[in-house]
Amino acid sequence: MSDAAQWNVAVSRQTDQAVREFLADKAAGEARDLSSFVEDAVRARLFELSVARARQQMAHLNPDEIEALIDEAVEWARRP
């Protein structure tokens, strides 16, 4: 990852130990490094927060209005 940014973060010892054990566990899946794990976790959290924000911003709409907005966005995205 040549275009990677460097982060310095602090986590609790319990979190550190849990992540290290998870990454070391061969049954947990493919061998992964801490950087990949953190990047995946941050992306997932950003997605969760974005969805929560969108839901909050559309809370005043009824389901039909939301469906119409989705249909409009899909139509726009499919245009050549």
PDB file of N, CA and C in Angstrom:
ATOM      1  N   MET A   1       0.848  -1.174   0.000  1.00  0.00           N
ATOM      2  CA  MET A   1       0.000   0.000   0.000  1.00  0.00           C
ATOM      3  C   MET A   1       0.894   1.239   0.000  1.00  0.00           C
ATOM      4  N   SER A   2       1.298   1.666  -1.163  1.00  0.00           N
ATOM      5  CA  SER A   2       2.246   2.781  -1.249  1.00  0.00           C
ATOM      6  C   SER A   2       1.608   4.123  -0.942  1.00  0.00           C
ATOM      7  N   ASP A   3       0.306   4.241  -1.103  1.00  0.00           N
ATOM      8  CA  ASP A   3      -0.364   5.510  -0.842  1.00  0.00           C
ATOM      9  C   ASP A   3      -1.047   5.522   0.530  1.00  0.00           C
ATOM     10  N   ALA A   4      -0.566   4.696   1.426  1.00  0.00           N
ATOM     11  CA  ALA A   4      -1.187   4.550   2.740  1.00  0.00           C
ATOM     12  C   ALA A   4      -0.807   5.698   3.665  1.00  0.00           C
ATOM     13  N   ALA A   5      -1.752   6.047   4.528  1.00  0.00           N
ATOM     14  CA  ALA A   5      -1.504   7.032   5.575  1.00  0.00           C
ATOM     15  C   ALA A   5      -1.096   6.274   6.845  1.00  0.00           C
ATOM     16  N   GLN A   6      -0.273   6.901   7.628  1.00  0.00           N
ATOM     17  CA  GLN A   6       0.162   6.301   8.887  1.00  0.00           C
ATOM     18  C   GLN A   6      -0.689   6.846  10.026  1.00  0.00           C
ATOM     19  N   TRP A   7      -1.229   5.960  10.851  1.00  0.00           N
ATOM     20  CA  TRP A   7      -2.012   6.351  12.022  1.00  0.00           C
ATOM     21  C   TRP A   7      -1.328   5.845  13.273  1.00  0.00           C
ATOM     22  N   ASN A   8      -1.429   6.612  14.313  1.00  0.00           N
ATOM     23  CA  ASN A   8      -1.041   6.152  15.644  1.00  0.00           C
ATOM     24  C   ASN A   8      -2.310   6.162  16.476  1.00  0.00           C
ATOM     25  N   VAL A   9      -2.697   5.005  16.968  1.00  0.00           N
ATOM     26  CA  VAL A   9      -3.927   4.905  17.747  1.00  0.00           C
ATOM     27  C   VAL A   9      -3.642   4.198  19.065  1.00  0.00           C
ATOM     28  N   ALA A  10      -4.476   4.472  20.039  1.00  0.00           N
ATOM     29  CA  ALA A  10      -4.373   3.800  21.329  1.00  0.00           C
ATOM     30  C   ALA A  10      -5.687   3.081  21.604  1.00  0.00           C
ATOM     31  N   VAL A  11      -5.585   1.840  22.016  1.00  0.00           N
ATOM     32  CA  VAL A  11      -6.762   1.052  22.386  1.00  0.00           C
ATOM     33  C   VAL A  11      -6.489   0.400  23.740  1.00  0.00           C
ATOM     34  N   SER A  12      -7.548  -0.073  24.353  1.00  0.00           N
ATOM     35  CA  SER A  12      -7.378  -0.737  25.646  1.00  0.00           C
ATOM     36  C   SER A  12      -6.570  -2.024  25.460  1.00  0.00           C
ATOM     37  N   ARG A  13      -5.961  -2.462  26.522  1.00  0.00           N
ATOM     38  CA  ARG A  13      -5.202  -3.724  26.461  1.00  0.00           C
ATOM     39  C   ARG A  13      -6.121  -4.893  26.110  1.00  0.00           C
ATOM     40  N   GLN A  14      -7.359  -4.839  26.608  1.00  0.00           N
ATOM     41  CA  GLN A  14      -8.311  -5.913  26.315  1.00  0.00           C
ATOM     42  C   GLN A  14      -8.631  -5.959  24.819  1.00  0.00           C
ATOM     43  N   THR A  15      -8.828  -4.796  24.206  1.00  0.00           N
ATOM     44  CA  THR A  15      -9.099  -4.755  22.766  1.00  0.00           C
ATOM     45  C   THR A  15      -7.888  -5.243  21.989  1.00  0.00           C
ATOM     46  N   ASP A  16      -6.711  -4.800  22.383  1.00  0.00           N
ATOM     47  CA  ASP A  16      -5.479  -5.232  21.725  1.00  0.00           C
ATOM     48  C   ASP A  16      -5.354  -6.747  21.762  1.00  0.00           C
ATOM     49  N   GLN A  17      -5.554  -7.319  22.932  1.00  0.00           N
ATOM     50  CA  GLN A  17      -5.426  -8.766  23.086  1.00  0.00           C
ATOM     51  C   GLN A  17      -6.469  -9.507  22.261  1.00  0.00           C
ATOM     52  N   ALA A  18      -7.704  -9.020  22.268  1.00  0.00           N
ATOM     53  CA  ALA A  18      -8.768  -9.676  21.515  1.00  0.00           C
ATOM     54  C   ALA A  18      -8.483  -9.651  20.019  1.00  0.00           C
ATOM     55  N   VAL A  19      -8.030  -8.514  19.514  1.00  0.00           N
ATOM     56  CA  VAL A  19      -7.735  -8.415  18.080  1.00  0.00           C
ATOM     57  C   VAL A  19      -6.560  -9.305  17.718  1.00  0.00           C
ATOM     58  N   ARG A  20      -5.515  -9.278  18.516  1.00  0.00           N
ATOM     59  CA  ARG A  20      -4.349 -10.120  18.223  1.00  0.00           C
ATOM     60  C   ARG A  20      -4.721 -11.603  18.222  1.00  0.00           C
ATOM     61  N   GLU A  21      -5.541 -12.019  19.191  1.00  0.00           N
ATOM     62  CA  GLU A  21      -5.972 -13.415  19.239  1.00  0.00           C
ATOM     63  C   GLU A  21      -6.832 -13.752  18.020  1.00  0.00           C
ATOM     64  N   PHE A  22      -7.728 -12.848  17.647  1.00  0.00           N
ATOM     65  CA  PHE A  22      -8.576 -13.078  16.482  1.00  0.00           C
ATOM     66  C   PHE A  22      -7.736 -13.219  15.220  1.00  0.00           C
ATOM     67  N   LEU A  23      -6.789 -12.316  15.022  1.00  0.00           N
ATOM     68  CA  LEU A  23      -5.961 -12.350  13.816  1.00  0.00           C
ATOM     69  C   LEU A  23      -5.048 -13.569  13.784  1.00  0.00           C
ATOM     70  N   ALA A  24      -4.663 -14.054  14.956  1.00  0.00           N
ATOM     71  CA  ALA A  24      -3.777 -15.210  15.014  1.00  0.00           C
ATOM     72  C   ALA A  24      -4.528 -16.527  14.831  1.00  0.00           C
ATOM     73  N   ASP A  25      -5.824 -16.503  15.047  1.00  0.00           N
ATOM     74  CA  ASP A  25      -6.637 -17.711  14.966  1.00  0.00           C
ATOM     75  C   ASP A  25      -6.820 -18.125  13.511  1.00  0.00           C
ATOM     76  N   LYS A  26      -6.238 -19.233  13.137  1.00  0.00           N
ATOM     77  CA  LYS A  26      -6.342 -19.709  11.751  1.00  0.00           C
ATOM     78  C   LYS A  26      -7.794 -20.035  11.385  1.00  0.00           C
ATOM     79  N   ALA A  27      -8.603 -20.415  12.371  1.00  0.00           N
ATOM     80  CA  ALA A  27     -10.006 -20.750  12.101  1.00  0.00           C
ATOM     81  C   ALA A  27     -10.826 -19.504  11.789  1.00  0.00           C
ATOM     82  N   ALA A  28     -10.298 -18.321  12.091  1.00  0.00           N
ATOM     83  CA  ALA A  28     -11.041 -17.086  11.847  1.00  0.00           C
ATOM     84  C   ALA A  28     -11.049 -16.720  10.373  1.00  0.00           C
ATOM     85  N   GLY A  29     -10.336 -17.451   9.568  1.00  0.00           N
ATOM     86  CA  GLY A  29     -10.315 -17.160   8.137  1.00  0.00           C
ATOM     87  C   GLY A  29      -8.903 -16.947   7.655  1.00  0.00           C
ATOM     88  N   GLU A  30      -8.798 -16.221   6.567  1.00  0.00           N
ATOM     89  CA  GLU A  30      -7.497 -15.979   5.951  1.00  0.00           C
ATOM     90  C   GLU A  30      -6.576 -15.209   6.900  1.00  0.00           C
ATOM     91  N   ALA A  31      -5.307 -15.409   6.723  1.00  0.00           N
ATOM     92  CA  ALA A  31      -4.341 -14.664   7.515  1.00  0.00           C
ATOM     93  C   ALA A  31      -4.447 -13.187   7.154  1.00  0.00           C
ATOM     94  N   ARG A  32      -4.585 -12.324   8.144  1.00  0.00           N
ATOM     95  CA  ARG A  32      -4.760 -10.898   7.892  1.00  0.00           C
ATOM     96  C   ARG A  32      -3.835 -10.125   8.806  1.00  0.00           C
ATOM     97  N   ASP A  33      -3.483  -8.932   8.366  1.00  0.00           N
ATOM     98  CA  ASP A  33      -2.672  -8.098   9.225  1.00  0.00           C
ATOM     99  C   ASP A  33      -3.546  -7.061   9.918  1.00  0.00           C
ATOM    100  N   LEU A  34      -2.974  -6.408  10.901  1.00  0.00           N
ATOM    101  CA  LEU A  34      -3.713  -5.441  11.700  1.00  0.00           C
ATOM    102  C   LEU A  34      -4.204  -4.277  10.852  1.00  0.00           C
ATOM    103  N   SER A  35      -3.391  -3.807   9.918  1.00  0.00           N
ATOM    104  CA  SER A  35      -3.796  -2.687   9.065  1.00  0.00           C
ATOM    105  C   SER A  35      -5.050  -3.010   8.259  1.00  0.00           C
ATOM    106  N   SER A  36      -5.100  -4.196   7.674  1.00  0.00           N
ATOM    107  CA  SER A  36      -6.283  -4.597   6.906  1.00  0.00           C
ATOM    108  C   SER A  36      -7.502  -4.708   7.803  1.00  0.00           C
ATOM    109  N   PHE A  37      -7.305  -5.256   8.991  1.00  0.00           N
ATOM    110  CA  PHE A  37      -8.411  -5.397   9.939  1.00  0.00           C
ATOM    111  C   PHE A  37      -8.971  -4.032  10.324  1.00  0.00           C
ATOM    112  N   VAL A  38      -8.082  -3.085  10.651  1.00  0.00           N
ATOM    113  CA  VAL A  38      -8.513  -1.749  11.045  1.00  0.00           C
ATOM    114  C   VAL A  38      -9.208  -1.053   9.877  1.00  0.00           C
ATOM    115  N   GLU A  39      -8.652  -1.152   8.693  1.00  0.00           N
ATOM    116  CA  GLU A  39      -9.275  -0.502   7.533  1.00  0.00           C
ATOM    117  C   GLU A  39     -10.677  -1.044   7.290  1.00  0.00           C
ATOM    118  N   ASP A  40     -10.840  -2.364   7.349  1.00  0.00           N
ATOM    119  CA  ASP A  40     -12.166  -2.957   7.172  1.00  0.00           C
ATOM    120  C   ASP A  40     -13.134  -2.487   8.255  1.00  0.00           C
ATOM    121  N   ALA A  41     -12.659  -2.441   9.499  1.00  0.00           N
ATOM    122  CA  ALA A  41     -13.513  -2.020  10.611  1.00  0.00           C
ATOM    123  C   ALA A  41     -13.935  -0.562  10.470  1.00  0.00           C
ATOM    124  N   VAL A  42     -13.011   0.291  10.072  1.00  0.00           N
ATOM    125  CA  VAL A  42     -13.329   1.711   9.900  1.00  0.00           C
ATOM    126  C   VAL A  42     -14.325   1.896   8.759  1.00  0.00           C
ATOM    127  N   ARG A  43     -14.115   1.207   7.655  1.00  0.00           N
ATOM    128  CA  ARG A  43     -15.059   1.302   6.533  1.00  0.00           C
ATOM    129  C   ARG A  43     -16.453   0.843   6.944  1.00  0.00           C
ATOM    130  N   ALA A  44     -16.524  -0.264   7.676  1.00  0.00           N
ATOM    131  CA  ALA A  44     -17.824  -0.774   8.123  1.00  0.00           C
ATOM    132  C   ALA A  44     -18.509   0.223   9.053  1.00  0.00           C
ATOM    133  N   ARG A  45     -17.756   0.820   9.959  1.00  0.00           N
ATOM    134  CA  ARG A  45     -18.333   1.796  10.890  1.00  0.00           C
ATOM    135  C   ARG A  45     -18.799   3.050  10.164  1.00  0.00           C
ATOM    136  N   LEU A  46     -18.012   3.521   9.200  1.00  0.00           N
ATOM    137  CA  LEU A  46     -18.423   4.681   8.413  1.00  0.00           C
ATOM    138  C   LEU A  46     -19.717   4.396   7.654  1.00  0.00           C
ATOM    139  N   PHE A  47     -19.836   3.192   7.124  1.00  0.00           N
ATOM    140  CA  PHE A  47     -21.064   2.817   6.426  1.00  0.00           C
ATOM    141  C   PHE A  47     -22.258   2.832   7.387  1.00  0.00           C
ATOM    142  N   GLU A  48     -22.082   2.232   8.581  1.00  0.00           N
ATOM    143  CA  GLU A  48     -23.147   2.229   9.582  1.00  0.00           C
ATOM    144  C   GLU A  48     -23.574   3.643   9.949  1.00  0.00           C
ATOM    145  N   LEU A  49     -22.612   4.521  10.159  1.00  0.00           N
ATOM    146  CA  LEU A  49     -22.925   5.905  10.515  1.00  0.00           C
ATOM    147  C   LEU A  49     -23.610   6.641   9.370  1.00  0.00           C
ATOM    148  N   SER A  50     -23.199   6.366   8.142  1.00  0.00           N
ATOM    149  CA  SER A  50     -23.830   6.996   6.983  1.00  0.00           C
ATOM    150  C   SER A  50     -25.281   6.556   6.841  1.00  0.00           C
ATOM    151  N   VAL A  51     -25.537   5.272   7.049  1.00  0.00           N
ATOM    152  CA  VAL A  51     -26.904   4.757   6.976  1.00  0.00           C
ATOM    153  C   VAL A  51     -27.753   5.375   8.080  1.00  0.00           C
ATOM    154  N   ALA A  52     -27.216   5.454   9.283  1.00  0.00           N
ATOM    155  CA  ALA A  52     -27.961   6.055  10.394  1.00  0.00           C
ATOM    156  C   ALA A  52     -28.276   7.523  10.107  1.00  0.00           C
ATOM    157  N   ARG A  53     -27.315   8.242   9.547  1.00  0.00           N
ATOM    158  CA  ARG A  53     -27.538   9.653   9.205  1.00  0.00           C
ATOM    159  C   ARG A  53     -28.615   9.786   8.125  1.00  0.00           C
ATOM    160  N   ALA A  54     -28.557   8.934   7.113  1.00  0.00           N
ATOM    161  CA  ALA A  54     -29.556   8.990   6.044  1.00  0.00           C
ATOM    162  C   ALA A  54     -30.945   8.684   6.589  1.00  0.00           C
ATOM    163  N   ARG A  55     -31.036   7.692   7.467  1.00  0.00           N
ATOM    164  CA  ARG A  55     -32.338   7.365   8.066  1.00  0.00           C
ATOM    165  C   ARG A  55     -32.872   8.535   8.875  1.00  0.00           C
ATOM    166  N   GLN A  56     -31.990   9.175   9.620  1.00  0.00           N
ATOM    167  CA  GLN A  56     -32.401  10.316  10.431  1.00  0.00           C
ATOM    168  C   GLN A  56     -32.887  11.463   9.539  1.00  0.00           C
ATOM    169  N   GLN A  57     -32.174  11.709   8.456  1.00  0.00           N
ATOM    170  CA  GLN A  57     -32.532  12.807   7.568  1.00  0.00           C
ATOM    171  C   GLN A  57     -33.803  12.524   6.782  1.00  0.00           C
ATOM    172  N   MET A  58     -34.167  11.251   6.629  1.00  0.00           N
ATOM    173  CA  MET A  58     -35.375  10.912   5.872  1.00  0.00           C
ATOM    174  C   MET A  58     -36.516  10.469   6.779  1.00  0.00           C
ATOM    175  N   ALA A  59     -36.366  10.639   8.077  1.00  0.00           N
ATOM    176  CA  ALA A  59     -37.379  10.171   9.020  1.00  0.00           C
ATOM    177  C   ALA A  59     -38.732  10.834   8.793  1.00  0.00           C
ATOM    178  N   HIS A  60     -38.725  12.042   8.253  1.00  0.00           N
ATOM    179  CA  HIS A  60     -39.973  12.768   8.040  1.00  0.00           C
ATOM    180  C   HIS A  60     -40.722  12.318   6.780  1.00  0.00           C
ATOM    181  N   LEU A  61     -40.079  11.510   5.942  1.00  0.00           N
ATOM    182  CA  LEU A  61     -40.713  11.049   4.700  1.00  0.00           C
ATOM    183  C   LEU A  61     -41.505   9.772   4.944  1.00  0.00           C
ATOM    184  N   ASN A  62     -42.553   9.610   4.176  1.00  0.00           N
ATOM    185  CA  ASN A  62     -43.288   8.349   4.268  1.00  0.00           C
ATOM    186  C   ASN A  62     -42.643   7.336   3.316  1.00  0.00           C
ATOM    187  N   PRO A  63     -42.944   6.058   3.481  1.00  0.00           N
ATOM    188  CA  PRO A  63     -42.293   5.024   2.658  1.00  0.00           C
ATOM    189  C   PRO A  63     -42.448   5.233   1.151  1.00  0.00           C
ATOM    190  N   ASP A  64     -43.578   5.745   0.710  1.00  0.00           N
ATOM    191  CA  ASP A  64     -43.769   5.970  -0.738  1.00  0.00           C
ATOM    192  C   ASP A  64     -42.820   7.048  -1.253  1.00  0.00           C
ATOM    193  N   GLU A  65     -42.604   8.093  -0.466  1.00  0.00           N
ATOM    194  CA  GLU A  65     -41.671   9.152  -0.873  1.00  0.00           C
ATOM    195  C   GLU A  65     -40.247   8.621  -0.935  1.00  0.00           C
ATOM    196  N   ILE A  66     -39.884   7.793   0.023  1.00  0.00           N
ATOM    197  CA  ILE A  66     -38.540   7.198   0.028  1.00  0.00           C
ATOM    198  C   ILE A  66     -38.370   6.299  -1.184  1.00  0.00           C
ATOM    199  N   GLU A  67     -39.369   5.495  -1.480  1.00  0.00           N
ATOM    200  CA  GLU A  67     -39.313   4.606  -2.640  1.00  0.00           C
ATOM    201  C   GLU A  67     -39.162   5.404  -3.929  1.00  0.00           C
ATOM    202  N   ALA A  68     -39.862   6.528  -4.029  1.00  0.00           N
ATOM    203  CA  ALA A  68     -39.754   7.377  -5.220  1.00  0.00           C
ATOM    204  C   ALA A  68     -38.350   7.951  -5.357  1.00  0.00           C
ATOM    205  N   LEU A  69     -37.753   8.349  -4.240  1.00  0.00           N
ATOM    206  CA  LEU A  69     -36.383   8.862  -4.281  1.00  0.00           C
ATOM    207  C   LEU A  69     -35.401   7.780  -4.718  1.00  0.00           C
ATOM    208  N   ILE A  70     -35.600   6.580  -4.218  1.00  0.00           N
ATOM    209  CA  ILE A  70     -34.730   5.464  -4.602  1.00  0.00           C
ATOM    210  C   ILE A  70     -34.876   5.164  -6.089  1.00  0.00           C
ATOM    211  N   ASP A  71     -36.109   5.109  -6.559  1.00  0.00           N
ATOM    212  CA  ASP A  71     -36.351   4.850  -7.986  1.00  0.00           C
ATOM    213  C   ASP A  71     -35.689   5.916  -8.856  1.00  0.00           C
ATOM    214  N   GLU A  72     -35.810   7.163  -8.440  1.00  0.00           N
ATOM    215  CA  GLU A  72     -35.192   8.265  -9.189  1.00  0.00           C
ATOM    216  C   GLU A  72     -33.673   8.118  -9.226  1.00  0.00           C
ATOM    217  N   ALA A  73     -33.077   7.757  -8.091  1.00  0.00           N
ATOM    218  CA  ALA A  73     -31.623   7.596  -8.032  1.00  0.00           C
ATOM    219  C   ALA A  73     -31.157   6.431  -8.886  1.00  0.00           C
ATOM    220  N   VAL A  74     -31.894   5.330  -8.867  1.00  0.00           N
ATOM    221  CA  VAL A  74     -31.529   4.171  -9.682  1.00  0.00           C
ATOM    222  C   VAL A  74     -31.638   4.511 -11.160  1.00  0.00           C
ATOM    223  N   GLU A  75     -32.705   5.197 -11.525  1.00  0.00           N
ATOM    224  CA  GLU A  75     -32.869   5.615 -12.923  1.00  0.00           C
ATOM    225  C   GLU A  75     -31.716   6.505 -13.357  1.00  0.00           C
ATOM    226  N   TRP A  76     -31.350   7.450 -12.518  1.00  0.00           N
ATOM    227  CA  TRP A  76     -30.229   8.349 -12.831  1.00  0.00           C
ATOM    228  C   TRP A  76     -28.932   7.562 -13.004  1.00  0.00           C
ATOM    229  N   ALA A  77     -28.686   6.610 -12.098  1.00  0.00           N
ATOM    230  CA  ALA A  77     -27.446   5.835 -12.141  1.00  0.00           C
ATOM    231  C   ALA A  77     -27.352   4.946 -13.371  1.00  0.00           C
ATOM    232  N   ARG A  78     -28.479   4.531 -13.910  1.00  0.00           N
ATOM    233  CA  ARG A  78     -28.481   3.631 -15.074  1.00  0.00           C
ATOM    234  C   ARG A  78     -28.409   4.362 -16.403  1.00  0.00           C
ATOM    235  N   ARG A  79     -28.525   5.674 -16.368  1.00  0.00           N
ATOM    236  CA  ARG A  79     -28.424   6.431 -17.615  1.00  0.00           C
ATOM    237  C   ARG A  79     -27.034   6.297 -18.209  1.00  0.00           C
ATOM    238  N   PRO A  80     -26.978   6.183 -19.547  1.00  0.00           N
ATOM    239  CA  PRO A  80     -25.655   6.066 -20.200  1.00  0.00           C
ATOM    240  C   PRO A  80     -24.856   7.352 -20.122  1.00  0.00           C
TER     241      PRO A  80
END
